[in-house]
Amino acid sequence: MFTGNITINAKENSGDIEFQLKSGKTQRRKNSPGEFISNFINIAGIDNIFEIEKQCRLRISEYQHN
């Protein structure tokens, strides 16, 4: 499942997109509480990046409301 956090690195109309997932793992440190580290999906070299981001946000929103 996705958190809805999406990061875009774009130049003009193409670029990279990163999706943060709700899955991950807890990183433990000595003498401190554990910290949750999320998994990410990275997709590089996409054309029409802003249209794809718009469609992804719409789909994630639809899925979270069902």
Protein backbone atom coordinates (compact mmCIF):
# COMPACT_ATOMS: atom_id res chain seq x y z
CA MET A 1 0.00 0.00 0.00
CA PHE A 2 1.08 3.54 -0.67
CA THR A 3 1.19 6.39 1.86
CA GLY A 4 0.34 8.97 -0.78
CA ASN A 5 3.75 10.64 -0.45
CA ILE A 6 5.15 11.10 -3.94
CA THR A 7 8.42 12.85 -4.80
CA ILE A 8 9.13 14.19 -8.28
CA ASN A 9 12.51 15.12 -9.72
CA ALA A 10 11.72 16.67 -13.11
CA LYS A 11 13.30 18.70 -15.87
CA GLU A 12 10.64 20.14 -18.14
CA ASN A 13 8.17 17.30 -18.85
CA SER A 14 10.28 14.24 -17.95
CA GLY A 15 11.94 12.96 -14.83
CA ASP A 16 11.89 10.51 -11.95
CA ILE A 17 9.14 9.63 -9.49
CA GLU A 18 9.36 8.05 -6.04
CA PHE A 19 6.46 6.47 -4.11
CA GLN A 20 6.62 5.90 -0.36
CA LEU A 21 5.08 2.64 0.84
CA LYS A 22 3.43 1.83 4.18
CA SER A 23 5.64 -1.24 4.47
CA GLY A 24 9.15 -1.13 5.81
CA LYS A 25 11.19 -2.18 8.79
CA THR A 26 12.16 -0.92 12.20
CA GLN A 27 15.76 0.10 12.57
CA ARG A 28 16.95 -0.40 16.12
CA ARG A 29 19.68 1.64 17.75
CA LYS A 30 21.49 1.02 20.98
CA ASN A 31 20.04 3.02 23.91
CA SER A 32 17.26 4.64 21.84
CA PRO A 33 13.83 3.66 20.54
CA GLY A 34 13.48 1.97 17.16
CA GLU A 35 12.75 4.08 14.09
CA PHE A 36 10.44 2.92 11.28
CA ILE A 37 12.07 3.13 7.84
CA SER A 38 9.61 3.04 4.91
CA ASN A 39 10.19 1.21 1.65
CA PHE A 40 10.16 3.20 -1.60
CA ILE A 41 9.50 2.50 -5.27
CA ASN A 42 11.64 4.57 -7.64
CA ILE A 43 10.91 4.89 -11.36
CA ALA A 44 13.38 6.83 -13.50
CA GLY A 45 13.30 8.42 -16.95
CA ILE A 46 9.54 8.96 -17.37
CA ASP A 47 8.06 11.20 -20.07
CA ASN A 48 4.91 13.22 -19.21
CA ILE A 49 5.86 12.96 -15.53
CA PHE A 50 3.27 15.45 -14.26
CA GLU A 51 0.36 13.69 -15.99
CA ILE A 52 1.53 10.36 -14.55
CA GLU A 53 1.82 11.89 -11.07
CA LYS A 54 -1.73 13.24 -11.36
CA GLN A 55 -3.09 9.82 -12.36
CA CYS A 56 -1.14 8.06 -9.58
CA ARG A 57 -2.46 10.45 -6.92
CA LEU A 58 -6.00 9.92 -8.20
CA ARG A 59 -5.66 6.11 -8.08
CA ILE A 60 -4.10 6.13 -4.61
CA SER A 61 -6.87 8.40 -3.35
CA GLU A 62 -9.58 6.17 -4.87
CA TYR A 63 -8.03 3.07 -3.31
CA GLN A 64 -7.73 4.63 0.15
CA HIS A 65 -11.38 5.69 0.18
CA ASN A 66 -12.70 2.18 -0.65
